[in-house]
Amino acid sequence: MWYAIIAKDHPDTLARRQLARPAHMARLLELQEAGRLFVAGAFPAIESEDPGPAGFTGSMILAQFPSMAEARAWADADPYVAAGVYADVQIKPFRKALPA
């Protein structure tokens, strides 16, 4: 099943985010190579592709996992969690409707 992993950042964590990003991206690339990643990205704090020092307010990952428990375990092991970037992580089952 698809799961939406929606994370909210702690304030002022841009430097921590940047340090943990290579490890975070490596895990996403593993999902992509396995054909299990639909989309992943960050929420800029301002309306800009490159928000600069304004940073980001969180992230969203839409990926396939065998169960909610496995999605939660994967999310809990994210380098952004270990680095103290994420303040809260919600996981919701997702059913794609469109485009068909």
N, C-alpha and C. Protein backbone atom coordinates (compact mmCIF):
# COMPACT_ATOMS: atom_id res chain seq x y z
N MET A 1 0.84 -1.17 0.00
CA MET A 1 0.00 0.00 0.00
C MET A 1 0.89 1.24 0.00
N TRP A 2 0.35 2.32 -0.53
CA TRP A 2 1.05 3.61 -0.48
C TRP A 2 0.80 4.27 0.87
N TYR A 3 1.83 4.97 1.35
CA TYR A 3 1.72 5.73 2.60
C TYR A 3 2.29 7.11 2.40
N ALA A 4 1.58 8.11 2.93
CA ALA A 4 2.08 9.48 2.95
C ALA A 4 2.76 9.71 4.29
N ILE A 5 4.02 10.09 4.22
CA ILE A 5 4.80 10.42 5.42
C ILE A 5 4.94 11.94 5.41
N ILE A 6 4.28 12.58 6.35
CA ILE A 6 4.22 14.05 6.39
C ILE A 6 4.91 14.51 7.67
N ALA A 7 6.02 15.22 7.49
CA ALA A 7 6.83 15.63 8.63
C ALA A 7 6.84 17.14 8.78
N LYS A 8 6.79 17.59 10.01
CA LYS A 8 6.89 19.02 10.33
C LYS A 8 8.24 19.25 11.00
N ASP A 9 8.96 20.28 10.52
CA ASP A 9 10.28 20.60 11.08
C ASP A 9 10.16 21.40 12.36
N HIS A 10 11.14 21.22 13.23
CA HIS A 10 11.35 22.16 14.33
C HIS A 10 11.77 23.50 13.70
N PRO A 11 11.53 24.62 14.37
CA PRO A 11 12.02 25.90 13.85
C PRO A 11 13.55 25.94 13.82
N ASP A 12 14.08 26.69 12.88
CA ASP A 12 15.52 26.97 12.80
C ASP A 12 16.39 25.72 12.74
N THR A 13 16.03 24.78 11.87
CA THR A 13 16.81 23.55 11.75
C THR A 13 17.47 23.41 10.38
N LEU A 14 17.59 24.51 9.63
CA LEU A 14 18.17 24.43 8.29
C LEU A 14 19.57 23.83 8.32
N ALA A 15 20.43 24.25 9.24
CA ALA A 15 21.80 23.73 9.28
C ALA A 15 21.79 22.23 9.57
N ARG A 16 20.95 21.78 10.48
CA ARG A 16 20.86 20.34 10.78
C ARG A 16 20.32 19.57 9.58
N ARG A 17 19.34 20.16 8.90
CA ARG A 17 18.77 19.55 7.70
C ARG A 17 19.85 19.37 6.63
N GLN A 18 20.64 20.40 6.41
CA GLN A 18 21.68 20.34 5.39
C GLN A 18 22.73 19.27 5.71
N LEU A 19 23.09 19.14 6.97
CA LEU A 19 24.08 18.12 7.37
C LEU A 19 23.54 16.69 7.18
N ALA A 20 22.27 16.48 7.47
CA ALA A 20 21.68 15.15 7.39
C ALA A 20 21.15 14.81 6.00
N ARG A 21 21.10 15.78 5.11
CA ARG A 21 20.48 15.57 3.79
C ARG A 21 21.11 14.44 2.98
N PRO A 22 22.43 14.31 2.88
CA PRO A 22 22.97 13.20 2.08
C PRO A 22 22.48 11.82 2.52
N ALA A 23 22.43 11.58 3.81
CA ALA A 23 21.96 10.28 4.31
C ALA A 23 20.45 10.14 4.08
N HIS A 24 19.71 11.21 4.25
CA HIS A 24 18.27 11.21 3.99
C HIS A 24 18.00 10.87 2.53
N MET A 25 18.72 11.53 1.62
CA MET A 25 18.53 11.30 0.19
C MET A 25 18.94 9.88 -0.22
N ALA A 26 19.97 9.34 0.40
CA ALA A 26 20.40 7.98 0.08
C ALA A 26 19.28 6.98 0.35
N ARG A 27 18.57 7.17 1.44
CA ARG A 27 17.45 6.27 1.76
C ARG A 27 16.32 6.41 0.76
N LEU A 28 16.06 7.65 0.33
CA LEU A 28 15.02 7.87 -0.68
C LEU A 28 15.41 7.24 -2.01
N LEU A 29 16.68 7.33 -2.38
CA LEU A 29 17.15 6.72 -3.62
C LEU A 29 16.99 5.19 -3.57
N GLU A 30 17.19 4.60 -2.40
CA GLU A 30 16.96 3.16 -2.26
C GLU A 30 15.50 2.81 -2.54
N LEU A 31 14.58 3.61 -2.01
CA LEU A 31 13.16 3.38 -2.30
C LEU A 31 12.88 3.54 -3.79
N GLN A 32 13.47 4.57 -4.39
CA GLN A 32 13.25 4.83 -5.81
C GLN A 32 13.77 3.65 -6.65
N GLU A 33 14.97 3.19 -6.36
CA GLU A 33 15.55 2.07 -7.11
C GLU A 33 14.74 0.80 -6.96
N ALA A 34 14.05 0.65 -5.84
CA ALA A 34 13.18 -0.51 -5.61
C ALA A 34 11.80 -0.33 -6.23
N GLY A 35 11.55 0.84 -6.86
CA GLY A 35 10.25 1.12 -7.46
C GLY A 35 9.15 1.41 -6.46
N ARG A 36 9.54 1.85 -5.25
CA ARG A 36 8.57 2.07 -4.17
C ARG A 36 8.35 3.53 -3.84
N LEU A 37 8.99 4.45 -4.55
CA LEU A 37 8.85 5.88 -4.27
C LEU A 37 8.01 6.55 -5.34
N PHE A 38 6.94 7.19 -4.93
CA PHE A 38 6.08 7.94 -5.86
C PHE A 38 6.57 9.37 -5.98
N VAL A 39 6.81 10.02 -4.82
CA VAL A 39 7.27 11.41 -4.81
C VAL A 39 7.83 11.71 -3.42
N ALA A 40 8.78 12.63 -3.39
CA ALA A 40 9.32 13.10 -2.11
C ALA A 40 9.78 14.53 -2.29
N GLY A 41 9.62 15.33 -1.27
CA GLY A 41 10.08 16.71 -1.35
C GLY A 41 9.86 17.44 -0.05
N ALA A 42 10.37 18.68 -0.04
CA ALA A 42 10.29 19.52 1.15
C ALA A 42 9.32 20.67 0.93
N PHE A 43 8.84 21.22 2.04
CA PHE A 43 7.96 22.39 2.01
C PHE A 43 8.81 23.64 2.30
N PRO A 44 9.08 24.47 1.28
CA PRO A 44 9.85 25.70 1.53
C PRO A 44 9.09 26.63 2.49
N ALA A 45 9.82 27.33 3.33
CA ALA A 45 9.21 28.25 4.29
C ALA A 45 8.65 29.49 3.60
N ILE A 46 9.14 29.78 2.40
CA ILE A 46 8.64 30.89 1.60
C ILE A 46 8.34 30.37 0.19
N GLU A 47 7.60 31.14 -0.56
CA GLU A 47 7.23 30.72 -1.91
C GLU A 47 8.42 30.88 -2.85
N SER A 48 9.29 29.88 -2.84
CA SER A 48 10.51 29.92 -3.64
C SER A 48 11.07 28.51 -3.79
N GLU A 49 11.58 28.19 -4.97
CA GLU A 49 12.25 26.89 -5.17
C GLU A 49 13.46 26.78 -4.25
N ASP A 50 14.17 27.89 -4.06
CA ASP A 50 15.33 27.92 -3.17
C ASP A 50 15.06 28.96 -2.08
N PRO A 51 14.56 28.53 -0.92
CA PRO A 51 14.18 29.49 0.11
C PRO A 51 15.36 30.09 0.87
N GLY A 52 16.58 29.67 0.53
CA GLY A 52 17.75 30.24 1.19
C GLY A 52 17.68 30.07 2.70
N PRO A 53 18.05 31.12 3.44
CA PRO A 53 18.09 30.99 4.90
C PRO A 53 16.71 30.83 5.54
N ALA A 54 15.62 31.08 4.79
CA ALA A 54 14.28 30.85 5.35
C ALA A 54 14.07 29.37 5.63
N GLY A 55 14.73 28.52 4.85
CA GLY A 55 14.67 27.09 5.09
C GLY A 55 13.36 26.43 4.71
N PHE A 56 13.03 25.40 5.44
CA PHE A 56 11.87 24.56 5.14
C PHE A 56 11.03 24.35 6.39
N THR A 57 9.76 24.03 6.17
CA THR A 57 8.86 23.78 7.30
C THR A 57 8.55 22.31 7.50
N GLY A 58 9.00 21.48 6.57
CA GLY A 58 8.73 20.05 6.68
C GLY A 58 8.95 19.35 5.36
N SER A 59 8.48 18.11 5.30
CA SER A 59 8.68 17.27 4.12
C SER A 59 7.49 16.36 3.93
N MET A 60 7.38 15.82 2.70
CA MET A 60 6.38 14.80 2.41
C MET A 60 7.01 13.73 1.55
N ILE A 61 6.76 12.50 1.89
CA ILE A 61 7.22 11.34 1.13
C ILE A 61 6.00 10.47 0.87
N LEU A 62 5.83 10.04 -0.37
CA LEU A 62 4.76 9.12 -0.72
C LEU A 62 5.43 7.86 -1.26
N ALA A 63 5.34 6.78 -0.50
CA ALA A 63 6.06 5.56 -0.85
C ALA A 63 5.26 4.33 -0.47
N GLN A 64 5.64 3.20 -1.07
CA GLN A 64 4.99 1.93 -0.79
C GLN A 64 5.71 1.18 0.32
N PHE A 65 4.90 0.64 1.23
CA PHE A 65 5.40 -0.22 2.30
C PHE A 65 4.40 -1.36 2.49
N PRO A 66 4.85 -2.50 2.98
CA PRO A 66 3.93 -3.62 3.20
C PRO A 66 2.87 -3.35 4.26
N SER A 67 3.17 -2.46 5.20
CA SER A 67 2.22 -2.19 6.29
C SER A 67 2.50 -0.82 6.91
N MET A 68 1.55 -0.35 7.68
CA MET A 68 1.72 0.90 8.43
C MET A 68 2.91 0.78 9.39
N ALA A 69 3.04 -0.37 10.03
CA ALA A 69 4.14 -0.57 10.98
C ALA A 69 5.49 -0.44 10.28
N GLU A 70 5.61 -0.97 9.07
CA GLU A 70 6.88 -0.87 8.35
C GLU A 70 7.12 0.55 7.84
N ALA A 71 6.06 1.26 7.47
CA ALA A 71 6.20 2.66 7.09
C ALA A 71 6.67 3.48 8.29
N ARG A 72 6.11 3.21 9.46
CA ARG A 72 6.48 3.92 10.69
C ARG A 72 7.94 3.61 11.05
N ALA A 73 8.34 2.36 10.96
CA ALA A 73 9.71 2.00 11.30
C ALA A 73 10.69 2.69 10.34
N TRP A 74 10.36 2.74 9.06
CA TRP A 74 11.22 3.41 8.08
C TRP A 74 11.31 4.90 8.40
N ALA A 75 10.18 5.53 8.68
CA ALA A 75 10.16 6.96 8.99
C ALA A 75 10.92 7.26 10.28
N ASP A 76 10.76 6.41 11.28
CA ASP A 76 11.45 6.63 12.56
C ASP A 76 12.97 6.54 12.42
N ALA A 77 13.45 5.82 11.41
CA ALA A 77 14.89 5.66 11.19
C ALA A 77 15.46 6.74 10.27
N ASP A 78 14.66 7.72 9.89
CA ASP A 78 15.13 8.77 8.98
C ASP A 78 16.24 9.60 9.64
N PRO A 79 17.29 9.91 8.91
CA PRO A 79 18.36 10.76 9.45
C PRO A 79 17.87 12.13 9.94
N TYR A 80 16.81 12.64 9.36
CA TYR A 80 16.27 13.92 9.84
C TYR A 80 15.69 13.79 11.24
N VAL A 81 15.16 12.62 11.57
CA VAL A 81 14.67 12.37 12.94
C VAL A 81 15.86 12.35 13.89
N ALA A 82 16.90 11.59 13.54
CA ALA A 82 18.09 11.49 14.39
C ALA A 82 18.78 12.84 14.58
N ALA A 83 18.72 13.70 13.54
CA ALA A 83 19.38 15.01 13.60
C ALA A 83 18.53 16.06 14.32
N GLY A 84 17.31 15.70 14.70
CA GLY A 84 16.44 16.65 15.39
C GLY A 84 15.79 17.67 14.47
N VAL A 85 15.69 17.34 13.18
CA VAL A 85 15.03 18.24 12.22
C VAL A 85 13.52 18.16 12.38
N TYR A 86 13.00 16.94 12.41
CA TYR A 86 11.55 16.75 12.46
C TYR A 86 11.01 16.88 13.88
N ALA A 87 9.97 17.69 14.03
CA ALA A 87 9.28 17.83 15.30
C ALA A 87 8.14 16.82 15.41
N ASP A 88 7.54 16.48 14.27
CA ASP A 88 6.38 15.59 14.25
C ASP A 88 6.34 14.88 12.91
N VAL A 89 6.00 13.60 12.93
CA VAL A 89 5.87 12.82 11.70
C VAL A 89 4.55 12.07 11.75
N GLN A 90 3.69 12.35 10.76
CA GLN A 90 2.43 11.65 10.62
C GLN A 90 2.53 10.70 9.44
N ILE A 91 1.89 9.56 9.56
CA ILE A 91 1.85 8.60 8.45
C ILE A 91 0.39 8.24 8.20
N LYS A 92 0.02 8.34 6.93
CA LYS A 92 -1.37 8.06 6.56
C LYS A 92 -1.39 7.13 5.35
N PRO A 93 -2.26 6.13 5.36
CA PRO A 93 -2.44 5.32 4.16
C PRO A 93 -2.92 6.23 3.03
N PHE A 94 -2.53 5.91 1.81
CA PHE A 94 -2.87 6.74 0.66
C PHE A 94 -3.38 5.86 -0.48
N ARG A 95 -4.50 6.25 -1.04
CA ARG A 95 -5.06 5.55 -2.19
C ARG A 95 -5.12 6.51 -3.36
N LYS A 96 -4.35 6.27 -4.39
CA LYS A 96 -4.30 7.13 -5.56
C LYS A 96 -5.59 6.99 -6.36
N ALA A 97 -6.16 8.14 -6.75
CA ALA A 97 -7.36 8.15 -7.59
C ALA A 97 -7.06 8.67 -8.99
N LEU A 98 -6.33 9.76 -9.09
CA LEU A 98 -6.00 10.37 -10.39
C LEU A 98 -4.57 10.88 -10.36
N PRO A 99 -3.89 10.98 -11.45
CA PRO A 99 -4.34 10.51 -12.76
C PRO A 99 -4.36 8.98 -12.80
N ALA A 100 -5.23 8.49 -13.65
CA ALA A 100 -5.41 7.04 -13.76
C ALA A 100 -4.22 6.38 -14.41
